[in-house]
């Protein structure tokens, strides 16, 4: 079952009309973040990357409601990500500022006595990197392959949001991510919390209407995004291998999510706020470019059903 979002996370993506976001329409970020399957797989992978480090794992487990309300906490994290990409700038800055204020209060010690604080630059950089890479790689592997140029564009367009969170070294490439992983790798370790987290995901609590088979597949797909040596270090063994049937089911669901839109979706509402067709994010990139070019030239464009990514 889902938890109601608190007022601070109840975002109106349609207002104020015309206000730009932090991430431009037609960007690869819009393409990736409109897809719920990519966000689900990538989000879980990001948490696994983060929980490998005892400082982040302790910070989340000891200073949030994750243990008692993992679904609600995940929903709020997801909404913060959505507002960064699709929300008007003023609202995005307000929500991100609120998250930063909460993080200022997060500090403590790991079970081994190592001090940590959520605003440690190294931890901020890693948390941002895991989310950025996780969402992108999930889309690339399970929805639609992206070129090197598209991946670079994705990272560049995410910089403004990362900076607002206090990130000092936003990702500019996959190489940045793997270099950061290599620096932190000696710290990574297995822990029972990792499996507890995956059990929560596979239980289907977040969306009971979706078959548990798909929840289990998404959890295993998330594990598949971990580099083999990290997966081995975290002791996530063969029981988390993704089967061919699960992979095909996820690709089918992901392709469907790339085509099906709804006025309730942030991407749809954000497009309308900007004076674009609501289905803009679901159009093919060339169609998006034509619409944006025509708007810049002052030529009116009409919504066109059936032109999807």
C-alpha atoms as a PDB file:
ATOM      1  CA  UNK A   1       0.000   0.000   0.000  1.00  0.00           C
ATOM      2  CA  UNK A   2       1.134   3.537  -0.671  1.00  0.00           C
ATOM      3  CA  UNK A   3       1.688   6.304   1.865  1.00  0.00           C
ATOM      4  CA  UNK A   4       0.278   9.812   1.383  1.00  0.00           C
ATOM      5  CA  UNK A   5       2.909  12.358   0.469  1.00  0.00           C
ATOM      6  CA  UNK A   6       3.366  15.226   2.946  1.00  0.00           C
ATOM      7  CA  UNK A   7       2.428  18.741   1.685  1.00  0.00           C
ATOM      8  CA  UNK A   8       6.051  19.638   0.900  1.00  0.00           C
ATOM      9  CA  UNK A   9       6.131  16.807  -1.671  1.00  0.00           C
ATOM     10  CA  UNK A  10       2.726  17.424  -3.258  1.00  0.00           C
ATOM     11  CA  UNK A  11       3.993  19.221  -6.335  1.00  0.00           C
ATOM     12  CA  UNK A  12       1.860  20.984  -8.958  1.00  0.00           C
ATOM     13  CA  UNK A  13       3.863  20.433 -12.133  1.00  0.00           C
ATOM     14  CA  UNK A  14       1.483  22.593 -14.217  1.00  0.00           C
ATOM     15  CA  UNK A  15       2.021  25.844 -12.339  1.00  0.00           C
ATOM     16  CA  UNK A  16       3.194  28.539 -12.624  1.00  0.00           C
ATOM     17  CA  UNK A  17       2.436  28.443 -16.386  1.00  0.00           C
ATOM     18  CA  UNK A  18       5.519  29.039 -18.489  1.00  0.00           C
ATOM     19  CA  UNK A  19       8.061  28.729 -15.676  1.00  0.00           C
ATOM     20  CA  UNK A  20      11.071  26.729 -16.906  1.00  0.00           C
ATOM     21  CA  UNK A  21      12.519  23.798 -15.039  1.00  0.00           C
ATOM     22  CA  UNK A  22      16.085  23.022 -14.091  1.00  0.00           C
ATOM     23  CA  UNK A  23      16.275  20.436 -16.876  1.00  0.00           C
ATOM     24  CA  UNK A  24      15.229  21.386 -20.429  1.00  0.00           C
ATOM     25  CA  UNK A  25      12.314  19.769 -22.248  1.00  0.00           C
ATOM     26  CA  UNK A  26      13.459  17.397 -24.955  1.00  0.00           C
ATOM     27  CA  UNK A  27      16.527  16.361 -22.959  1.00  0.00           C
ATOM     28  CA  UNK A  28      17.672  12.797 -22.391  1.00  0.00           C
ATOM     29  CA  UNK A  29      16.810  13.353 -18.722  1.00  0.00           C
ATOM     30  CA  UNK A  30      13.169  13.901 -19.696  1.00  0.00           C
ATOM     31  CA  UNK A  31      13.288  10.755 -21.809  1.00  0.00           C
ATOM     32  CA  UNK A  32      14.667   8.613 -18.979  1.00  0.00           C
ATOM     33  CA  UNK A  33      12.689  10.042 -16.069  1.00  0.00           C
ATOM     34  CA  UNK A  34       9.309   9.627 -17.759  1.00  0.00           C
ATOM     35  CA  UNK A  35       9.806   5.837 -17.707  1.00  0.00           C
ATOM     36  CA  UNK A  36       8.604   4.201 -14.477  1.00  0.00           C
ATOM     37  CA  UNK A  37      10.361   0.884 -15.154  1.00  0.00           C
ATOM     38  CA  UNK A  38      13.749   2.559 -15.615  1.00  0.00           C
ATOM     39  CA  UNK A  39      13.199   4.599 -12.452  1.00  0.00           C
ATOM     40  CA  UNK A  40      12.184   1.526 -10.468  1.00  0.00           C
ATOM     41  CA  UNK A  41      15.169  -0.567 -11.537  1.00  0.00           C
ATOM     42  CA  UNK A  42      17.644   2.300 -11.387  1.00  0.00           C
ATOM     43  CA  UNK A  43      16.404   3.551  -8.041  1.00  0.00           C
ATOM     44  CA  UNK A  44      16.845   0.186  -6.347  1.00  0.00           C
ATOM     45  CA  UNK A  45      20.290  -0.202  -7.916  1.00  0.00           C
ATOM     46  CA  UNK A  46      21.247   3.242  -6.593  1.00  0.00           C
ATOM     47  CA  UNK A  47      20.277   2.232  -3.054  1.00  0.00           C
ATOM     48  CA  UNK A  48      22.356  -0.947  -3.334  1.00  0.00           C
ATOM     49  CA  UNK A  49      25.371   1.056  -4.502  1.00  0.00           C
ATOM     50  CA  UNK A  50      24.878   3.428  -1.561  1.00  0.00           C
ATOM     51  CA  UNK A  51      24.230   0.751   1.078  1.00  0.00           C
ATOM     52  CA  UNK A  52      27.556  -0.876   0.231  1.00  0.00           C
ATOM     53  CA  UNK A  53      29.112   1.996   2.217  1.00  0.00           C
ATOM     54  CA  UNK A  54      28.496   1.693   5.968  1.00  0.00           C
ATOM     55  CA  UNK A  55      28.311   5.474   6.389  1.00  0.00           C
ATOM     56  CA  UNK A  56      25.374   5.861   4.026  1.00  0.00           C
ATOM     57  CA  UNK A  57      23.717   2.646   5.162  1.00  0.00           C
ATOM     58  CA  UNK A  58      23.861   3.769   8.791  1.00  0.00           C
ATOM     59  CA  UNK A  59      22.666   7.257   7.943  1.00  0.00           C
ATOM     60  CA  UNK A  60      19.595   5.968   6.113  1.00  0.00           C
ATOM     61  CA  UNK A  61      18.775   3.201   8.575  1.00  0.00           C
ATOM     62  CA  UNK A  62      19.337   5.237  11.740  1.00  0.00           C
ATOM     63  CA  UNK A  63      18.023   8.662  10.720  1.00  0.00           C
ATOM     64  CA  UNK A  64      15.025   8.034   8.496  1.00  0.00           C
ATOM     65  CA  UNK A  65      11.754   6.145   8.689  1.00  0.00           C
ATOM     66  CA  UNK A  66      12.969   3.580   6.173  1.00  0.00           C
ATOM     67  CA  UNK A  67      12.725   0.734   8.687  1.00  0.00           C
ATOM     68  CA  UNK A  68       9.081   1.510   9.497  1.00  0.00           C
ATOM     69  CA  UNK A  69       7.844   3.033   6.228  1.00  0.00           C
ATOM     70  CA  UNK A  70      10.182   2.054   3.375  1.00  0.00           C
ATOM     71  CA  UNK A  71       7.538   2.655   0.726  1.00  0.00           C
ATOM     72  CA  UNK A  72       6.675   6.150   1.937  1.00  0.00           C
ATOM     73  CA  UNK A  73      10.326   7.071   2.164  1.00  0.00           C
ATOM     74  CA  UNK A  74      10.950   5.768  -1.352  1.00  0.00           C
ATOM     75  CA  UNK A  75       7.976   7.723  -2.688  1.00  0.00           C
ATOM     76  CA  UNK A  76       9.294  10.951  -1.228  1.00  0.00           C
ATOM     77  CA  UNK A  77      12.729  10.287  -2.658  1.00  0.00           C
ATOM     78  CA  UNK A  78      11.133   9.592  -6.035  1.00  0.00           C
ATOM     79  CA  UNK A  79       9.093  12.790  -5.925  1.00  0.00           C
ATOM     80  CA  UNK A  80      12.208  14.820  -5.089  1.00  0.00           C
ATOM     81  CA  UNK A  81      13.854  13.325  -8.185  1.00  0.00           C
ATOM     82  CA  UNK A  82      10.796  14.109 -10.327  1.00  0.00           C
ATOM     83  CA  UNK A  83      10.574  17.725  -9.218  1.00  0.00           C
ATOM     84  CA  UNK A  84      14.244  18.227 -10.021  1.00  0.00           C
ATOM     85  CA  UNK A  85      13.664  17.150 -13.625  1.00  0.00           C
ATOM     86  CA  UNK A  86      10.067  18.195 -14.364  1.00  0.00           C
ATOM     87  CA  UNK A  87       9.131  20.765 -11.724  1.00  0.00           C
ATOM     88  CA  UNK A  88       9.247  24.551 -12.134  1.00  0.00           C
ATOM     89  CA  UNK A  89      12.558  25.962 -10.930  1.00  0.00           C
ATOM     90  CA  UNK A  90      11.042  27.748  -7.930  1.00  0.00           C
ATOM     91  CA  UNK A  91       9.384  24.591  -6.633  1.00  0.00           C
ATOM     92  CA  UNK A  92      12.426  22.443  -7.341  1.00  0.00           C
ATOM     93  CA  UNK A  93      14.655  24.804  -5.368  1.00  0.00           C
ATOM     94  CA  UNK A  94      12.179  24.796  -2.485  1.00  0.00           C
ATOM     95  CA  UNK A  95      11.931  20.995  -2.319  1.00  0.00           C
ATOM     96  CA  UNK A  96      15.682  20.463  -2.680  1.00  0.00           C
ATOM     97  CA  UNK A  97      16.319  23.091  -0.018  1.00  0.00           C
ATOM     98  CA  UNK A  98      14.029  21.183   2.325  1.00  0.00           C
ATOM     99  CA  UNK A  99      15.891  17.947   1.665  1.00  0.00           C
ATOM    100  CA  UNK A 100      19.206  19.682   2.362  1.00  0.00           C
ATOM    101  CA  UNK A 101      17.897  21.068   5.657  1.00  0.00           C
ATOM    102  CA  UNK A 102      16.880  17.572   6.745  1.00  0.00           C
ATOM    103  CA  UNK A 103      20.276  16.219   5.772  1.00  0.00           C
ATOM    104  CA  UNK A 104      22.052  18.805   7.947  1.00  0.00           C
ATOM    105  CA  UNK A 105      20.628  17.001  10.968  1.00  0.00           C
ATOM    106  CA  UNK A 106      21.911  13.582   9.899  1.00  0.00           C
ATOM    107  CA  UNK A 107      25.147  12.605  11.627  1.00  0.00           C
ATOM    108  CA  UNK A 108      26.335   9.731  13.763  1.00  0.00           C
ATOM    109  CA  UNK A 109      28.620   6.729  13.897  1.00  0.00           C
ATOM    110  CA  UNK A 110      28.668   3.442  12.026  1.00  0.00           C
ATOM    111  CA  UNK A 111      28.587   0.200  14.056  1.00  0.00           C
ATOM    112  CA  UNK A 112      32.405   0.201  13.927  1.00  0.00           C
ATOM    113  CA  UNK A 113      32.600   3.711  15.358  1.00  0.00           C
ATOM    114  CA  UNK A 114      33.373   5.693  12.213  1.00  0.00           C
ATOM    115  CA  UNK A 115      31.809   9.155  12.248  1.00  0.00           C
ATOM    116  CA  UNK A 116      29.630  10.248   9.339  1.00  0.00           C
ATOM    117  CA  UNK A 117      27.426  13.154   8.335  1.00  0.00           C
ATOM    118  CA  UNK A 118      25.033  13.300   5.406  1.00  0.00           C
ATOM    119  CA  UNK A 119      26.549  16.521   4.056  1.00  0.00           C
ATOM    120  CA  UNK A 120      30.035  15.033   3.778  1.00  0.00           C
ATOM    121  CA  UNK A 121      31.082  16.038   0.214  1.00  0.00           C
ATOM    122  CA  UNK A 122      32.276  12.513  -0.574  1.00  0.00           C
ATOM    123  CA  UNK A 123      28.919  11.023   0.393  1.00  0.00           C
ATOM    124  CA  UNK A 124      26.932  13.698  -1.450  1.00  0.00           C
ATOM    125  CA  UNK A 125      28.949  13.029  -4.592  1.00  0.00           C
ATOM    126  CA  UNK A 126      28.433   9.266  -4.330  1.00  0.00           C
ATOM    127  CA  UNK A 127      24.686   9.423  -3.652  1.00  0.00           C
ATOM    128  CA  UNK A 128      24.195  11.737  -6.625  1.00  0.00           C
ATOM    129  CA  UNK A 129      26.380   9.538  -8.817  1.00  0.00           C
ATOM    130  CA  UNK A 130      24.539   6.324  -7.948  1.00  0.00           C
ATOM    131  CA  UNK A 131      21.150   7.833  -8.792  1.00  0.00           C
ATOM    132  CA  UNK A 132      22.355   9.413 -12.019  1.00  0.00           C
ATOM    133  CA  UNK A 133      24.105   6.284 -13.250  1.00  0.00           C
ATOM    134  CA  UNK A 134      21.416   3.912 -11.983  1.00  0.00           C
ATOM    135  CA  UNK A 135      18.515   5.562 -13.819  1.00  0.00           C
ATOM    136  CA  UNK A 136      20.519   6.019 -17.019  1.00  0.00           C
ATOM    137  CA  UNK A 137      21.903   2.486 -17.107  1.00  0.00           C
ATOM    138  CA  UNK A 138      18.501   0.945 -16.348  1.00  0.00           C
ATOM    139  CA  UNK A 139      16.984   2.812 -19.296  1.00  0.00           C
ATOM    140  CA  UNK A 140      19.916   1.879 -21.530  1.00  0.00           C
ATOM    141  CA  UNK A 141      19.791  -1.835 -20.713  1.00  0.00           C
ATOM    142  CA  UNK A 142      16.079  -2.491 -20.314  1.00  0.00           C
ATOM    143  CA  UNK A 143      14.250   0.159 -22.354  1.00  0.00           C
ATOM    144  CA  UNK A 144      16.303   1.539 -25.255  1.00  0.00           C
ATOM    145  CA  UNK A 145      20.064   1.718 -25.892  1.00  0.00           C
ATOM    146  CA  UNK A 146      21.531   5.218 -25.706  1.00  0.00           C
ATOM    147  CA  UNK A 147      24.544   6.500 -27.625  1.00  0.00           C
ATOM    148  CA  UNK A 148      27.683   7.867 -26.003  1.00  0.00           C
ATOM    149  CA  UNK A 149      26.592  11.371 -27.002  1.00  0.00           C
ATOM    150  CA  UNK A 150      23.163  10.868 -25.436  1.00  0.00           C
ATOM    151  CA  UNK A 151      24.717   9.608 -22.213  1.00  0.00           C
ATOM    152  CA  UNK A 152      27.025  12.628 -22.061  1.00  0.00           C
ATOM    153  CA  UNK A 153      24.047  14.924 -22.641  1.00  0.00           C
ATOM    154  CA  UNK A 154      22.133  13.201 -19.832  1.00  0.00           C
ATOM    155  CA  UNK A 155      24.940  13.842 -17.364  1.00  0.00           C
ATOM    156  CA  UNK A 156      25.398  17.465 -18.482  1.00  0.00           C
ATOM    157  CA  UNK A 157      21.701  18.256 -18.070  1.00  0.00           C
ATOM    158  CA  UNK A 158      21.686  16.818 -14.547  1.00  0.00           C
ATOM    159  CA  UNK A 159      24.448  19.098 -13.277  1.00  0.00           C
ATOM    160  CA  UNK A 160      22.185  21.979 -12.174  1.00  0.00           C
ATOM    161  CA  UNK A 161      20.125  19.688  -9.932  1.00  0.00           C
ATOM    162  CA  UNK A 162      23.217  17.987  -8.493  1.00  0.00           C
ATOM    163  CA  UNK A 163      24.789  21.338  -7.613  1.00  0.00           C
ATOM    164  CA  UNK A 164      21.684  22.381  -5.679  1.00  0.00           C
ATOM    165  CA  UNK A 165      22.108  19.275  -3.525  1.00  0.00           C
ATOM    166  CA  UNK A 166      25.649  20.373  -2.707  1.00  0.00           C
ATOM    167  CA  UNK A 167      27.392  17.934  -5.036  1.00  0.00           C
ATOM    168  CA  UNK A 168      30.929  19.122  -5.753  1.00  0.00           C
ATOM    169  CA  UNK A 169      31.786  16.682  -8.535  1.00  0.00           C
ATOM    170  CA  UNK A 170      28.712  15.881 -10.663  1.00  0.00           C
ATOM    171  CA  UNK A 171      29.123  13.058 -13.141  1.00  0.00           C
ATOM    172  CA  UNK A 172      30.115  14.059 -16.650  1.00  0.00           C
ATOM    173  CA  UNK A 173      30.577  10.496 -17.955  1.00  0.00           C
ATOM    174  CA  UNK A 174      30.388   6.821 -17.068  1.00  0.00           C
ATOM    175  CA  UNK A 175      34.144   6.988 -16.471  1.00  0.00           C
ATOM    176  CA  UNK A 176      33.537   9.461 -13.642  1.00  0.00           C
ATOM    177  CA  UNK A 177      31.153   7.022 -12.002  1.00  0.00           C
ATOM    178  CA  UNK A 178      33.484   4.040 -12.179  1.00  0.00           C
ATOM    179  CA  UNK A 179      36.441   6.105 -10.982  1.00  0.00           C
ATOM    180  CA  UNK A 180      34.411   7.123  -7.932  1.00  0.00           C
ATOM    181  CA  UNK A 181      33.392   3.496  -7.375  1.00  0.00           C
ATOM    182  CA  UNK A 182      37.028   2.374  -7.501  1.00  0.00           C
ATOM    183  CA  UNK A 183      38.050   4.981  -4.899  1.00  0.00           C
ATOM    184  CA  UNK A 184      35.315   3.887  -2.515  1.00  0.00           C
ATOM    185  CA  UNK A 185      35.496   0.153  -3.197  1.00  0.00           C
ATOM    186  CA  UNK A 186      37.787  -0.694  -0.232  1.00  0.00           C
ATOM    187  CA  UNK A 187      35.000   0.589   2.052  1.00  0.00           C
ATOM    188  CA  UNK A 188      32.266  -1.600   0.589  1.00  0.00           C
ATOM    189  CA  UNK A 189      30.993  -4.595   2.536  1.00  0.00           C
ATOM    190  CA  UNK A 190      28.130  -7.080   2.719  1.00  0.00           C
ATOM    191  CA  UNK A 191      25.366  -6.501   5.260  1.00  0.00           C
ATOM    192  CA  UNK A 192      22.021  -8.072   6.188  1.00  0.00           C
ATOM    193  CA  UNK A 193      20.299  -4.733   5.520  1.00  0.00           C
ATOM    194  CA  UNK A 194      20.992  -5.155   1.787  1.00  0.00           C
ATOM    195  CA  UNK A 195      18.970  -8.355   1.664  1.00  0.00           C
ATOM    196  CA  UNK A 196      16.293  -6.892   3.920  1.00  0.00           C
ATOM    197  CA  UNK A 197      15.958  -4.000   1.475  1.00  0.00           C
ATOM    198  CA  UNK A 198      15.686  -6.370  -1.508  1.00  0.00           C
ATOM    199  CA  UNK A 199      13.074  -8.446   0.356  1.00  0.00           C
ATOM    200  CA  UNK A 200      10.976  -5.296   0.763  1.00  0.00           C
ATOM    201  CA  UNK A 201      11.234  -4.552  -2.955  1.00  0.00           C
ATOM    202  CA  UNK A 202      10.387  -8.128  -3.983  1.00  0.00           C
ATOM    203  CA  UNK A 203       7.391  -8.223  -1.627  1.00  0.00           C
ATOM    204  CA  UNK A 204       5.479  -5.835  -3.890  1.00  0.00           C
ATOM    205  CA  UNK A 205       4.382  -3.548  -1.047  1.00  0.00           C
ATOM    206  CA  UNK A 206       4.977  -0.452  -3.184  1.00  0.00           C
ATOM    207  CA  UNK A 207       2.364  -1.386  -5.793  1.00  0.00           C
ATOM    208  CA  UNK A 208       0.172  -4.357  -4.803  1.00  0.00           C
ATOM    209  CA  UNK A 209      -1.730  -4.167  -8.106  1.00  0.00           C
ATOM    210  CA  UNK A 210       1.424  -5.170 -10.011  1.00  0.00           C
ATOM    211  CA  UNK A 211       2.194  -8.932 -10.055  1.00  0.00           C
ATOM    212  CA  UNK A 212       4.875  -9.975  -7.573  1.00  0.00           C
ATOM    213  CA  UNK A 213       6.692 -11.655 -10.455  1.00  0.00           C
ATOM    214  CA  UNK A 214       7.442  -8.217 -11.896  1.00  0.00           C
ATOM    215  CA  UNK A 215       8.604  -6.864  -8.528  1.00  0.00           C
ATOM    216  CA  UNK A 216      11.006  -9.782  -8.157  1.00  0.00           C
ATOM    217  CA  UNK A 217      12.241  -9.247 -11.702  1.00  0.00           C
ATOM    218  CA  UNK A 218      12.872  -5.549 -11.064  1.00  0.00           C
ATOM    219  CA  UNK A 219      14.850  -6.328  -7.903  1.00  0.00           C
ATOM    220  CA  UNK A 220      17.029  -8.836  -9.762  1.00  0.00           C
ATOM    221  CA  UNK A 221      17.441  -6.411 -12.661  1.00  0.00           C
ATOM    222  CA  UNK A 222      18.709  -3.853 -10.168  1.00  0.00           C
ATOM    223  CA  UNK A 223      21.283  -6.304  -8.846  1.00  0.00           C
ATOM    224  CA  UNK A 224      22.359  -6.973 -12.445  1.00  0.00           C
ATOM    225  CA  UNK A 225      23.409  -3.308 -12.756  1.00  0.00           C
ATOM    226  CA  UNK A 226      26.101  -3.807 -10.089  1.00  0.00           C
ATOM    227  CA  UNK A 227      29.584  -4.537 -11.463  1.00  0.00           C
ATOM    228  CA  UNK A 228      30.412  -8.229 -10.870  1.00  0.00           C
ATOM    229  CA  UNK A 229      33.135  -7.528  -8.305  1.00  0.00           C
ATOM    230  CA  UNK A 230      30.813  -5.288  -6.275  1.00  0.00           C
ATOM    231  CA  UNK A 231      28.036  -7.856  -6.386  1.00  0.00           C
ATOM    232  CA  UNK A 232      30.524 -10.467  -5.165  1.00  0.00           C
ATOM    233  CA  UNK A 233      31.724  -8.136  -2.392  1.00  0.00           C
ATOM    234  CA  UNK A 234      28.103  -7.577  -1.274  1.00  0.00           C
ATOM    235  CA  UNK A 235      27.422 -11.341  -1.380  1.00  0.00           C
ATOM    236  CA  UNK A 236      24.411 -11.059  -3.665  1.00  0.00           C
ATOM    237  CA  UNK A 237      24.628 -14.500  -5.192  1.00  0.00           C
ATOM    238  CA  UNK A 238      22.908 -16.637  -7.811  1.00  0.00           C
ATOM    239  CA  UNK A 239      19.509 -16.287  -6.138  1.00  0.00           C
ATOM    240  CA  UNK A 240      19.469 -12.756  -7.530  1.00  0.00           C
ATOM    241  CA  UNK A 241      20.290 -13.775 -11.109  1.00  0.00           C
ATOM    242  CA  UNK A 242      17.852 -12.377 -13.648  1.00  0.00           C
ATOM    243  CA  UNK A 243      16.231 -15.092 -15.762  1.00  0.00           C
ATOM    244  CA  UNK A 244      15.645 -14.768 -19.496  1.00  0.00           C
ATOM    245  CA  UNK A 245      11.875 -14.749 -18.895  1.00  0.00           C
ATOM    246  CA  UNK A 246      12.210 -11.932 -16.351  1.00  0.00           C
ATOM    247  CA  UNK A 247      14.448  -9.927 -18.666  1.00  0.00           C
ATOM    248  CA  UNK A 248      11.954 -10.225 -21.522  1.00  0.00           C
ATOM    249  CA  UNK A 249       9.060  -9.267 -19.239  1.00  0.00           C
ATOM    250  CA  UNK A 250      10.887  -6.166 -18.046  1.00  0.00           C
ATOM    251  CA  UNK A 251      11.770  -5.107 -21.566  1.00  0.00           C
ATOM    252  CA  UNK A 252       8.143  -5.479 -22.605  1.00  0.00           C
ATOM    253  CA  UNK A 253       6.958  -3.492 -19.572  1.00  0.00           C
ATOM    254  CA  UNK A 254       9.644  -0.872 -20.132  1.00  0.00           C
ATOM    255  CA  UNK A 255       8.797  -0.395 -23.795  1.00  0.00           C
ATOM    256  CA  UNK A 256       5.131  -0.079 -22.837  1.00  0.00           C
ATOM    257  CA  UNK A 257       5.997   2.539 -20.208  1.00  0.00           C
ATOM    258  CA  UNK A 258       7.875   4.451 -22.919  1.00  0.00           C
ATOM    259  CA  UNK A 259       4.650   4.692 -24.949  1.00  0.00           C
ATOM    260  CA  UNK A 260       1.822   5.074 -22.465  1.00  0.00           C
ATOM    261  CA  UNK A 261       1.188   8.560 -21.093  1.00  0.00           C
ATOM    262  CA  UNK A 262      -1.296  10.064 -18.673  1.00  0.00           C
ATOM    263  CA  UNK A 263      -2.206  13.663 -17.745  1.00  0.00           C
ATOM    264  CA  UNK A 264      -1.412  12.722 -14.131  1.00  0.00           C
ATOM    265  CA  UNK A 265       2.253  12.078 -14.919  1.00  0.00           C
ATOM    266  CA  UNK A 266       4.831  14.761 -14.031  1.00  0.00           C
ATOM    267  CA  UNK A 267       6.289  14.730 -17.567  1.00  0.00           C
ATOM    268  CA  UNK A 268       2.855  15.335 -19.086  1.00  0.00           C
ATOM    269  CA  UNK A 269       1.994  18.127 -16.658  1.00  0.00           C
ATOM    270  CA  UNK A 270       5.415  19.759 -17.069  1.00  0.00           C
ATOM    271  CA  UNK A 271       5.024  19.848 -20.842  1.00  0.00           C
ATOM    272  CA  UNK A 272       1.655  21.570 -20.502  1.00  0.00           C
ATOM    273  CA  UNK A 273       3.169  24.101 -18.082  1.00  0.00           C
ATOM    274  CA  UNK A 274       5.690  24.965 -20.781  1.00  0.00           C
ATOM    275  CA  UNK A 275       3.026  25.310 -23.466  1.00  0.00           C
ATOM    276  CA  UNK A 276       3.990  22.051 -25.159  1.00  0.00           C
ATOM    277  CA  UNK A 277       1.733  19.114 -26.084  1.00  0.00           C
ATOM    278  CA  UNK A 278       1.146  16.980 -22.993  1.00  0.00           C
ATOM    279  CA  UNK A 279       2.561  13.919 -24.763  1.00  0.00           C
ATOM    280  CA  UNK A 280       5.725  15.796 -25.703  1.00  0.00           C
ATOM    281  CA  UNK A 281       8.058  13.571 -23.637  1.00  0.00           C
ATOM    282  CA  UNK A 282       6.685  10.491 -25.433  1.00  0.00           C
ATOM    283  CA  UNK A 283       7.377  11.827 -28.927  1.00  0.00           C
ATOM    284  CA  UNK A 284      10.393  10.704 -30.908  1.00  0.00           C
ATOM    285  CA  UNK A 285      13.441  12.958 -30.413  1.00  0.00           C
ATOM    286  CA  UNK A 286      13.237  14.291 -33.977  1.00  0.00           C
ATOM    287  CA  UNK A 287       9.599  15.280 -33.437  1.00  0.00           C
ATOM    288  CA  UNK A 288      10.505  17.009 -30.174  1.00  0.00           C
ATOM    289  CA  UNK A 289      13.233  18.996 -31.929  1.00  0.00           C
ATOM    290  CA  UNK A 290      10.800  20.051 -34.642  1.00  0.00           C
ATOM    291  CA  UNK A 291       8.261  21.258 -32.068  1.00  0.00           C
ATOM    292  CA  UNK A 292      10.872  23.207 -30.117  1.00  0.00           C
ATOM    293  CA  UNK A 293      12.310  24.717 -33.306  1.00  0.00           C
ATOM    294  CA  UNK A 294       8.852  25.726 -34.526  1.00  0.00           C
ATOM    295  CA  UNK A 295       8.046  27.305 -31.178  1.00  0.00           C
ATOM    296  CA  UNK A 296      11.276  29.289 -31.253  1.00  0.00           C
ATOM    297  CA  UNK A 297      10.323  30.497 -34.729  1.00  0.00           C
ATOM    298  CA  UNK A 298       6.834  31.440 -33.543  1.00  0.00           C
ATOM    299  CA  UNK A 299       5.025  28.696 -35.499  1.00  0.00           C
ATOM    300  CA  UNK A 300       2.121  27.055 -33.586  1.00  0.00           C
ATOM    301  CA  UNK A 301       2.253  23.280 -33.168  1.00  0.00           C
ATOM    302  CA  UNK A 302      -0.621  20.892 -32.486  1.00  0.00           C
ATOM    303  CA  UNK A 303      -0.520  17.654 -30.515  1.00  0.00           C
ATOM    304  CA  UNK A 304      -0.147  14.625 -32.755  1.00  0.00           C
ATOM    305  CA  UNK A 305      -1.418  11.290 -31.495  1.00  0.00           C
ATOM    306  CA  UNK A 306       0.714   8.296 -32.333  1.00  0.00           C
ATOM    307  CA  UNK A 307       4.132   9.907 -32.531  1.00  0.00           C
ATOM    308  CA  UNK A 308       6.025   8.260 -29.707  1.00  0.00           C
ATOM    309  CA  UNK A 309       9.578   7.514 -28.700  1.00  0.00           C
END
